Amino acid sequence: MFQGPDAAPQGPSSGRAARADERVPRRRVVGSCFGRGRGDVLGAGLGNTDKGAVIVDIQEHGLFDLWNRAHDLPPLRPGLIITEVNGSTGYWDILGELQRPGLLSIRVSAEPPWNAGPNWFQEITEMGKTLQETTWGGNRPFMVRLEQDGAGDQFSSLSTVRAGDCGVDQCAICMDDVAPDESLVQLPCRHAFHALCAARWLTQPGGHSRGKRQRCPLCCQKVVPSPGGGCDVARECPRGGA
């Protein structure tokens, strides 16, 4: 189980962020081990930051929610950032560790990213509420930070789908077979992949994506944030068009 966020006293807050963040501790939290069995659900929407995986929302009856209920400590909450799991750091390695059953040793930070706005915790909380309101049937969207031309980065949700429902039996990125009941993420172009495979492909530039950042690896359509917190296919002029 976790050791909860430090409740060390803070100095007075100032500016617009004071009311939203006045109870948020600024010190790093060191978590002890807790167990995750096969089939257990973490119950947290996570998004990528330069510091690790930010908690976007926490769902009822998931492991994070159960820990909050069982401990009389400042709760895990949207805006806190998971900076290390089982000694692994970096967003992608953290997600990989969180998906494995067994013991999880987690470190959490209450310090926002360097480029966060003054209302970081309030903004992430509101994003989580929107995510919950737009989720149906228990399928949790997968959060990823995408670039919007001229508007910086924005958290966007990739919808999940059952592999058998979309006719996918192999992830076209890693080439691994996919079971019919496996949960995949589906891009707005309707192509579906493993969640981590798709997220890494969309967000990491380099040789693995042949320089096509934020483009579907099958149809090469560009994936961009949509106003409602989801994502959409960019409307691009055809080559040679006006």
C-alpha atoms as a PDB file:
ATOM      1  CA  MET A   1       0.000   0.000   0.000  1.00  0.00           C
ATOM      2  CA  PHE A   2       1.030   3.614  -0.399  1.00  0.00           C
ATOM      3  CA  GLN A   3       2.358   5.952   2.218  1.00  0.00           C
ATOM      4  CA  GLY A   4       0.082   8.944   1.707  1.00  0.00           C
ATOM      5  CA  PRO A   5       1.079  12.431   0.616  1.00  0.00           C
ATOM      6  CA  ASP A   6       3.096  14.354   3.199  1.00  0.00           C
ATOM      7  CA  ALA A   7       0.932  16.692   5.203  1.00  0.00           C
ATOM      8  CA  ALA A   8       3.784  19.020   6.010  1.00  0.00           C
ATOM      9  CA  PRO A   9       2.743  22.635   6.618  1.00  0.00           C
ATOM     10  CA  GLN A  10       3.034  24.966   3.707  1.00  0.00           C
ATOM     11  CA  GLY A  11       3.670  28.608   3.318  1.00  0.00           C
ATOM     12  CA  PRO A  12       0.809  30.903   2.316  1.00  0.00           C
ATOM     13  CA  SER A  13      -0.424  30.505  -1.254  1.00  0.00           C
ATOM     14  CA  SER A  14      -0.787  33.417  -3.570  1.00  0.00           C
ATOM     15  CA  GLY A  15      -2.394  34.300  -6.868  1.00  0.00           C
ATOM     16  CA  ARG A  16      -5.271  32.535  -8.608  1.00  0.00           C
ATOM     17  CA  ALA A  17      -3.952  29.098  -7.629  1.00  0.00           C
ATOM     18  CA  ALA A  18      -4.290  29.732  -3.888  1.00  0.00           C
ATOM     19  CA  ARG A  19      -7.844  28.489  -3.423  1.00  0.00           C
ATOM     20  CA  ALA A  20      -7.558  25.475  -5.716  1.00  0.00           C
ATOM     21  CA  ASP A  21      -4.204  24.277  -4.421  1.00  0.00           C
ATOM     22  CA  GLU A  22      -4.038  25.453  -0.806  1.00  0.00           C
ATOM     23  CA  ARG A  23      -4.356  21.899   0.570  1.00  0.00           C
ATOM     24  CA  VAL A  24      -1.990  20.277  -1.916  1.00  0.00           C
ATOM     25  CA  PRO A  25       1.374  19.312  -0.370  1.00  0.00           C
ATOM     26  CA  ARG A  26       4.429  20.262  -2.383  1.00  0.00           C
ATOM     27  CA  ARG A  27       6.795  17.587  -1.103  1.00  0.00           C
ATOM     28  CA  ARG A  28       7.523  14.308  -2.842  1.00  0.00           C
ATOM     29  CA  VAL A  29       5.680  11.259  -1.548  1.00  0.00           C
ATOM     30  CA  VAL A  30       7.453   7.929  -1.151  1.00  0.00           C
ATOM     31  CA  GLY A  31       5.106   4.960  -1.527  1.00  0.00           C
ATOM     32  CA  SER A  32       5.610   1.502  -0.096  1.00  0.00           C
ATOM     33  CA  CYS A  33       4.658  -1.691  -1.931  1.00  0.00           C
ATOM     34  CA  PHE A  34       1.112  -2.829  -2.580  1.00  0.00           C
ATOM     35  CA  GLY A  35      -0.092  -5.857  -4.491  1.00  0.00           C
ATOM     36  CA  ARG A  36      -1.904  -5.985  -7.799  1.00  0.00           C
ATOM     37  CA  GLY A  37      -3.441  -9.301  -8.778  1.00  0.00           C
ATOM     38  CA  ARG A  38      -4.421 -10.399 -12.259  1.00  0.00           C
ATOM     39  CA  GLY A  39      -7.707  -8.713 -13.098  1.00  0.00           C
ATOM     40  CA  ASP A  40      -7.264  -5.945 -10.520  1.00  0.00           C
ATOM     41  CA  VAL A  41      -7.956  -2.481 -11.925  1.00  0.00           C
ATOM     42  CA  LEU A  42      -5.848   0.506 -10.919  1.00  0.00           C
ATOM     43  CA  GLY A  43      -8.855   2.721 -11.525  1.00  0.00           C
ATOM     44  CA  ALA A  44      -6.961   5.845 -12.570  1.00  0.00           C
ATOM     45  CA  GLY A  45      -6.810   7.850 -15.761  1.00  0.00           C
ATOM     46  CA  LEU A  46      -3.172   8.774 -16.426  1.00  0.00           C
ATOM     47  CA  GLY A  47      -1.586  11.317 -18.757  1.00  0.00           C
ATOM     48  CA  ASN A  48       2.000  11.851 -19.859  1.00  0.00           C
ATOM     49  CA  THR A  49       4.212  14.655 -18.520  1.00  0.00           C
ATOM     50  CA  ASP A  50       7.951  15.259 -18.527  1.00  0.00           C
ATOM     51  CA  LYS A  51       8.032  14.222 -14.832  1.00  0.00           C
ATOM     52  CA  GLY A  52       6.073  10.967 -15.190  1.00  0.00           C
ATOM     53  CA  ALA A  53       2.395   9.952 -15.249  1.00  0.00           C
ATOM     54  CA  VAL A  54      -0.090  12.513 -13.942  1.00  0.00           C
ATOM     55  CA  ILE A  55      -3.263  11.221 -12.269  1.00  0.00           C
ATOM     56  CA  VAL A  56      -6.167  12.678 -14.270  1.00  0.00           C
ATOM     57  CA  ASP A  57      -9.042  10.953 -12.521  1.00  0.00           C
ATOM     58  CA  ILE A  58      -9.679   8.182  -9.994  1.00  0.00           C
ATOM     59  CA  GLN A  59     -12.573   5.767 -10.497  1.00  0.00           C
ATOM     60  CA  GLU A  60     -14.651   4.111  -7.782  1.00  0.00           C
ATOM     61  CA  HIS A  61     -13.560   0.671  -6.591  1.00  0.00           C
ATOM     62  CA  GLY A  62     -10.177   0.761  -8.339  1.00  0.00           C
ATOM     63  CA  LEU A  63      -6.976   0.150  -6.364  1.00  0.00           C
ATOM     64  CA  PHE A  64      -6.265   3.877  -5.986  1.00  0.00           C
ATOM     65  CA  ASP A  65      -9.792   4.554  -4.699  1.00  0.00           C
ATOM     66  CA  LEU A  66      -9.614   1.619  -2.276  1.00  0.00           C
ATOM     67  CA  TRP A  67      -6.316   2.923  -0.891  1.00  0.00           C
ATOM     68  CA  ASN A  68      -7.833   6.374  -0.354  1.00  0.00           C
ATOM     69  CA  ARG A  69     -10.773   4.841   1.527  1.00  0.00           C
ATOM     70  CA  ALA A  70      -8.566   2.639   3.703  1.00  0.00           C
ATOM     71  CA  HIS A  71      -6.099   5.286   4.903  1.00  0.00           C
ATOM     72  CA  ASP A  72      -6.629   8.403   6.986  1.00  0.00           C
ATOM     73  CA  LEU A  73      -4.055  10.339   4.991  1.00  0.00           C
ATOM     74  CA  PRO A  74      -4.164  13.037   2.313  1.00  0.00           C
ATOM     75  CA  PRO A  75      -5.609  11.150  -0.663  1.00  0.00           C
ATOM     76  CA  LEU A  76      -4.207  10.358  -4.054  1.00  0.00           C
ATOM     77  CA  ARG A  77      -5.914  12.886  -6.306  1.00  0.00           C
ATOM     78  CA  PRO A  78      -5.882  14.400  -9.783  1.00  0.00           C
ATOM     79  CA  GLY A  79      -2.782  16.475 -10.470  1.00  0.00           C
ATOM     80  CA  LEU A  80      -0.356  14.353  -8.448  1.00  0.00           C
ATOM     81  CA  ILE A  81       2.372  12.808 -10.592  1.00  0.00           C
ATOM     82  CA  ILE A  82       3.653   9.230 -10.373  1.00  0.00           C
ATOM     83  CA  THR A  83       7.404   9.674 -10.840  1.00  0.00           C
ATOM     84  CA  GLU A  84       8.651   6.122 -10.240  1.00  0.00           C
ATOM     85  CA  VAL A  85       7.296   2.559 -10.132  1.00  0.00           C
ATOM     86  CA  ASN A  86       9.493  -0.354  -9.043  1.00  0.00           C
ATOM     87  CA  GLY A  87      12.585   1.751  -9.740  1.00  0.00           C
ATOM     88  CA  SER A  88      11.464   2.625 -13.289  1.00  0.00           C
ATOM     89  CA  THR A  89      11.095   6.274 -14.285  1.00  0.00           C
ATOM     90  CA  GLY A  90       9.744   7.977 -17.381  1.00  0.00           C
ATOM     91  CA  TYR A  91       6.131   7.834 -18.514  1.00  0.00           C
ATOM     92  CA  TRP A  92       6.333   4.766 -20.754  1.00  0.00           C
ATOM     93  CA  ASP A  93       8.329   2.614 -18.332  1.00  0.00           C
ATOM     94  CA  ILE A  94       5.972   3.647 -15.517  1.00  0.00           C
ATOM     95  CA  LEU A  95       2.933   2.547 -17.520  1.00  0.00           C
ATOM     96  CA  GLY A  96       4.614  -0.729 -18.354  1.00  0.00           C
ATOM     97  CA  GLU A  97       5.252  -1.450 -14.667  1.00  0.00           C
ATOM     98  CA  LEU A  98       1.704  -0.478 -13.664  1.00  0.00           C
ATOM     99  CA  GLN A  99       0.252  -2.984 -16.106  1.00  0.00           C
ATOM    100  CA  ARG A 100       2.113  -5.908 -14.559  1.00  0.00           C
ATOM    101  CA  PRO A 101       0.583  -7.938 -11.710  1.00  0.00           C
ATOM    102  CA  GLY A 102       2.550  -8.257  -8.495  1.00  0.00           C
ATOM    103  CA  LEU A 103       4.062  -5.799  -6.035  1.00  0.00           C
ATOM    104  CA  LEU A 104       4.185  -2.146  -7.032  1.00  0.00           C
ATOM    105  CA  SER A 105       6.447   0.329  -5.233  1.00  0.00           C
ATOM    106  CA  ILE A 106       5.340   3.813  -6.241  1.00  0.00           C
ATOM    107  CA  ARG A 107       6.752   7.304  -5.717  1.00  0.00           C
ATOM    108  CA  VAL A 108       4.415  10.267  -6.152  1.00  0.00           C
ATOM    109  CA  SER A 109       5.172  13.968  -6.466  1.00  0.00           C
ATOM    110  CA  ALA A 110       2.906  16.926  -5.718  1.00  0.00           C
ATOM    111  CA  GLU A 111       5.154  19.291  -7.674  1.00  0.00           C
ATOM    112  CA  PRO A 112       3.543  20.304 -10.999  1.00  0.00           C
ATOM    113  CA  PRO A 113       5.521  20.166 -14.265  1.00  0.00           C
ATOM    114  CA  TRP A 114       7.797  23.136 -14.947  1.00  0.00           C
ATOM    115  CA  ASN A 115       5.460  24.487 -17.642  1.00  0.00           C
ATOM    116  CA  ALA A 116       2.210  24.027 -15.659  1.00  0.00           C
ATOM    117  CA  GLY A 117      -0.133  26.958 -15.243  1.00  0.00           C
ATOM    118  CA  PRO A 118      -1.024  28.482 -11.851  1.00  0.00           C
ATOM    119  CA  ASN A 119      -4.237  26.409 -11.659  1.00  0.00           C
ATOM    120  CA  TRP A 120      -2.659  23.039 -12.495  1.00  0.00           C
ATOM    121  CA  PHE A 121      -4.574  20.954  -9.928  1.00  0.00           C
ATOM    122  CA  GLN A 122      -7.906  22.614 -10.685  1.00  0.00           C
ATOM    123  CA  GLU A 123      -7.443  22.164 -14.441  1.00  0.00           C
ATOM    124  CA  ILE A 124      -6.538  18.479 -14.113  1.00  0.00           C
ATOM    125  CA  THR A 125      -9.506  17.904 -11.773  1.00  0.00           C
ATOM    126  CA  GLU A 126     -11.897  19.509 -14.267  1.00  0.00           C
ATOM    127  CA  MET A 127     -10.386  17.435 -17.067  1.00  0.00           C
ATOM    128  CA  GLY A 128     -10.994  14.289 -15.017  1.00  0.00           C
ATOM    129  CA  LYS A 129     -14.630  15.227 -14.441  1.00  0.00           C
ATOM    130  CA  THR A 130     -15.105  15.753 -18.172  1.00  0.00           C
ATOM    131  CA  LEU A 131     -13.470  12.398 -18.835  1.00  0.00           C
ATOM    132  CA  GLN A 132     -15.874  10.636 -16.460  1.00  0.00           C
ATOM    133  CA  GLU A 133     -18.909  12.380 -17.985  1.00  0.00           C
ATOM    134  CA  THR A 134     -17.963  11.327 -21.510  1.00  0.00           C
ATOM    135  CA  THR A 135     -17.214   7.672 -20.664  1.00  0.00           C
ATOM    136  CA  TRP A 136     -19.881   5.078 -21.310  1.00  0.00           C
ATOM    137  CA  GLY A 137     -20.098   1.350 -20.679  1.00  0.00           C
ATOM    138  CA  GLY A 138     -17.097   1.252 -18.358  1.00  0.00           C
ATOM    139  CA  ASN A 139     -14.567   1.701 -21.189  1.00  0.00           C
ATOM    140  CA  ARG A 140     -11.945   4.117 -19.866  1.00  0.00           C
ATOM    141  CA  PRO A 141     -10.270   6.311 -22.492  1.00  0.00           C
ATOM    142  CA  PHE A 142      -6.476   6.302 -22.655  1.00  0.00           C
ATOM    143  CA  MET A 143      -4.971   9.754 -22.028  1.00  0.00           C
ATOM    144  CA  VAL A 144      -2.131  11.104 -24.136  1.00  0.00           C
ATOM    145  CA  ARG A 145      -0.639  14.558 -24.601  1.00  0.00           C
ATOM    146  CA  LEU A 146      -0.855  15.702 -28.232  1.00  0.00           C
ATOM    147  CA  GLU A 147       0.352  18.816 -30.002  1.00  0.00           C
ATOM    148  CA  GLN A 148      -2.153  21.213 -31.510  1.00  0.00           C
ATOM    149  CA  ASP A 149      -0.672  23.417 -34.236  1.00  0.00           C
ATOM    150  CA  GLY A 150      -0.103  26.872 -32.800  1.00  0.00           C
ATOM    151  CA  ALA A 151      -1.736  26.028 -29.461  1.00  0.00           C
ATOM    152  CA  GLY A 152       0.822  23.921 -27.571  1.00  0.00           C
ATOM    153  CA  ASP A 153       0.212  20.510 -26.034  1.00  0.00           C
ATOM    154  CA  GLN A 154      -3.165  19.297 -24.799  1.00  0.00           C
ATOM    155  CA  PHE A 155      -4.299  16.151 -22.973  1.00  0.00           C
ATOM    156  CA  SER A 156      -6.589  14.094 -25.209  1.00  0.00           C
ATOM    157  CA  SER A 157      -8.417  10.823 -24.663  1.00  0.00           C
ATOM    158  CA  LEU A 158      -8.135   7.856 -27.012  1.00  0.00           C
ATOM    159  CA  SER A 159     -11.246   5.698 -26.908  1.00  0.00           C
ATOM    160  CA  THR A 160     -10.968   2.037 -25.986  1.00  0.00           C
ATOM    161  CA  VAL A 161     -12.573  -0.800 -27.902  1.00  0.00           C
ATOM    162  CA  ARG A 162     -12.751  -4.602 -27.608  1.00  0.00           C
ATOM    163  CA  ALA A 163     -10.507  -6.210 -30.231  1.00  0.00           C
ATOM    164  CA  GLY A 164     -13.212  -8.637 -31.341  1.00  0.00           C
ATOM    165  CA  ASP A 165     -15.652  -5.772 -31.884  1.00  0.00           C
ATOM    166  CA  CYS A 166     -13.369  -3.998 -34.348  1.00  0.00           C
ATOM    167  CA  GLY A 167     -12.021  -7.067 -36.142  1.00  0.00           C
ATOM    168  CA  VAL A 168      -8.414  -6.683 -35.005  1.00  0.00           C
ATOM    169  CA  ASP A 169      -6.382  -9.823 -34.297  1.00  0.00           C
ATOM    170  CA  GLN A 170      -2.891  -8.287 -34.464  1.00  0.00           C
ATOM    171  CA  CYS A 171      -1.391  -4.967 -33.349  1.00  0.00           C
ATOM    172  CA  ALA A 172       0.057  -3.434 -36.497  1.00  0.00           C
ATOM    173  CA  ILE A 173       2.744  -1.591 -34.490  1.00  0.00           C
ATOM    174  CA  CYS A 174       4.340  -4.346 -32.400  1.00  0.00           C
ATOM    175  CA  MET A 175       2.975  -7.184 -34.612  1.00  0.00           C
ATOM    176  CA  ASP A 176       1.882  -9.194 -31.546  1.00  0.00           C
ATOM    177  CA  ASP A 177      -1.330 -11.209 -31.742  1.00  0.00           C
ATOM    178  CA  VAL A 178      -4.380  -9.734 -30.019  1.00  0.00           C
ATOM    179  CA  ALA A 179      -7.023 -11.799 -28.219  1.00  0.00           C
ATOM    180  CA  PRO A 180     -10.703 -11.057 -29.055  1.00  0.00           C
ATOM    181  CA  ASP A 181     -11.418  -9.838 -25.503  1.00  0.00           C
ATOM    182  CA  GLU A 182      -8.331  -7.630 -25.301  1.00  0.00           C
ATOM    183  CA  SER A 183      -8.880  -3.894 -24.862  1.00  0.00           C
ATOM    184  CA  LEU A 184      -7.310  -1.676 -27.540  1.00  0.00           C
ATOM    185  CA  VAL A 185      -7.341   2.035 -28.222  1.00  0.00           C
ATOM    186  CA  GLN A 186      -9.060   3.181 -31.392  1.00  0.00           C
ATOM    187  CA  LEU A 187      -7.904   6.274 -33.259  1.00  0.00           C
ATOM    188  CA  PRO A 188     -10.496   8.550 -34.863  1.00  0.00           C
ATOM    189  CA  CYS A 189      -9.623   6.963 -38.229  1.00  0.00           C
ATOM    190  CA  ARG A 190     -11.021   3.715 -36.699  1.00  0.00           C
ATOM    191  CA  HIS A 191      -7.719   1.797 -36.695  1.00  0.00           C
ATOM    192  CA  ALA A 192      -7.012   0.119 -33.327  1.00  0.00           C
ATOM    193  CA  PHE A 193      -3.760  -0.833 -31.562  1.00  0.00           C
ATOM    194  CA  HIS A 194      -2.341  -1.715 -28.158  1.00  0.00           C
ATOM    195  CA  ALA A 195      -2.733   1.362 -25.944  1.00  0.00           C
ATOM    196  CA  LEU A 196       0.983   1.759 -25.187  1.00  0.00           C
ATOM    197  CA  CYS A 197       1.966   1.042 -28.791  1.00  0.00           C
ATOM    198  CA  ALA A 198      -0.383   3.708 -30.143  1.00  0.00           C
ATOM    199  CA  ALA A 199       0.507   6.292 -27.503  1.00  0.00           C
ATOM    200  CA  ARG A 200       4.254   5.902 -28.034  1.00  0.00           C
ATOM    201  CA  TRP A 201       3.839   6.014 -31.813  1.00  0.00           C
ATOM    202  CA  LEU A 202       1.777   9.201 -31.666  1.00  0.00           C
ATOM    203  CA  THR A 203       3.883  11.118 -29.163  1.00  0.00           C
ATOM    204  CA  GLN A 204       7.504  10.105 -29.665  1.00  0.00           C
ATOM    205  CA  PRO A 205       9.342  11.451 -32.706  1.00  0.00           C
ATOM    206  CA  GLY A 206      12.080   9.356 -34.235  1.00  0.00           C
ATOM    207  CA  GLY A 207      12.834   6.417 -36.467  1.00  0.00           C
ATOM    208  CA  HIS A 208      10.092   4.182 -35.016  1.00  0.00           C
ATOM    209  CA  SER A 209       7.436   6.452 -36.569  1.00  0.00           C
ATOM    210  CA  ARG A 210       9.510   7.471 -39.591  1.00  0.00           C
ATOM    211  CA  GLY A 211       9.087  11.080 -38.557  1.00  0.00           C
ATOM    212  CA  LYS A 212       5.281  10.865 -38.785  1.00  0.00           C
ATOM    213  CA  ARG A 213       4.498  12.094 -35.280  1.00  0.00           C
ATOM    214  CA  GLN A 214       0.809  12.037 -34.380  1.00  0.00           C
ATOM    215  CA  ARG A 215      -0.118  10.057 -37.496  1.00  0.00           C
ATOM    216  CA  CYS A 216      -1.818   6.689 -37.703  1.00  0.00           C
ATOM    217  CA  PRO A 217       0.786   4.099 -38.730  1.00  0.00           C
ATOM    218  CA  LEU A 218      -1.653   2.515 -41.202  1.00  0.00           C
ATOM    219  CA  CYS A 219      -3.407   5.386 -42.978  1.00  0.00           C
ATOM    220  CA  CYS A 220      -1.026   8.246 -42.003  1.00  0.00           C
ATOM    221  CA  GLN A 221      -3.890  10.572 -41.066  1.00  0.00           C
ATOM    222  CA  LYS A 222      -2.832  13.116 -38.463  1.00  0.00           C
ATOM    223  CA  VAL A 223      -4.408  12.820 -35.003  1.00  0.00           C
ATOM    224  CA  VAL A 224      -4.995  16.127 -33.193  1.00  0.00           C
ATOM    225  CA  PRO A 225      -6.769  17.237 -29.991  1.00  0.00           C
ATOM    226  CA  SER A 226     -10.464  18.061 -30.242  1.00  0.00           C
ATOM    227  CA  PRO A 227     -12.179  20.824 -28.224  1.00  0.00           C
ATOM    228  CA  GLY A 228     -14.025  18.341 -25.994  1.00  0.00           C
ATOM    229  CA  GLY A 229     -10.855  16.701 -24.673  1.00  0.00           C
ATOM    230  CA  GLY A 230     -10.872  13.862 -27.177  1.00  0.00           C
ATOM    231  CA  CYS A 231      -9.084  13.629 -30.495  1.00  0.00           C
ATOM    232  CA  ASP A 232      -9.943  13.946 -34.163  1.00  0.00           C
ATOM    233  CA  VAL A 233      -8.399  13.536 -37.594  1.00  0.00           C
ATOM    234  CA  ALA A 234      -6.811  16.736 -38.902  1.00  0.00           C
ATOM    235  CA  ARG A 235      -8.318  18.146 -42.043  1.00  0.00           C
ATOM    236  CA  GLU A 236      -5.328  18.609 -44.279  1.00  0.00           C
ATOM    237  CA  CYS A 237      -5.190  19.942 -47.802  1.00  0.00           C
ATOM    238  CA  PRO A 238      -4.262  17.245 -50.333  1.00  0.00           C
ATOM    239  CA  ARG A 239      -0.860  17.494 -51.934  1.00  0.00           C
ATOM    240  CA  GLY A 240      -0.917  20.071 -54.661  1.00  0.00           C
ATOM    241  CA  GLY A 241      -4.196  21.458 -53.352  1.00  0.00           C
ATOM    242  CA  ALA A 242      -4.868  25.053 -52.468  1.00  0.00           C
END
